[in-house]
Amino acid sequence: MERVSLVFVSHSADIVKGIKSLLFEMQPEISIAVAGGEEDGGIGTNAMDIQQALESVYTDKGTVVLFDLGSALLNAELAIEMIGEDRRILIADAPILEGGYAAVVEAGFGSEAERVVEAAEKARSMRKIPQD
């Protein structure tokens, strides 16, 4: 079964590699790509790297992008424009780790890309400490 794939974009290569490793343990059947950090090991994002990540895991069912900070969004949007409008690529406005967790679980169910985005974005209101 074809499933929605995920792309994680961060200013830090270590952050996205760690997220990918964690989520692969949970849902190894979901294709995940990452783009993070600069070529010299510095902090930053690059639209070309994001474009490559998107193309490496894209499926006809779609791809969902999660990102960490402001310019990561700008470069993700630019990368999507460079790929073209005929692709089903959605950006989730969600915390990168908790939203990624929700997204990989939902994608594992075989859900549509819009549903994967919705699951990721619900993570914004997720409480980590139980309330009395």
Foldseek 3Di string as FASTA:
>chain_A
DDFAAEEEEEQAPVVQVVLVVVLCVVFVVHHYFYFYHDPVRHGDGALVSLLVRCVVRADQLEYEYEYADDVSVVSNVVSDVVVPDVGHYYYAPAHRRQLSNQLSVCRSVRDGPVVSSVSSNVSRPDDPDDDD
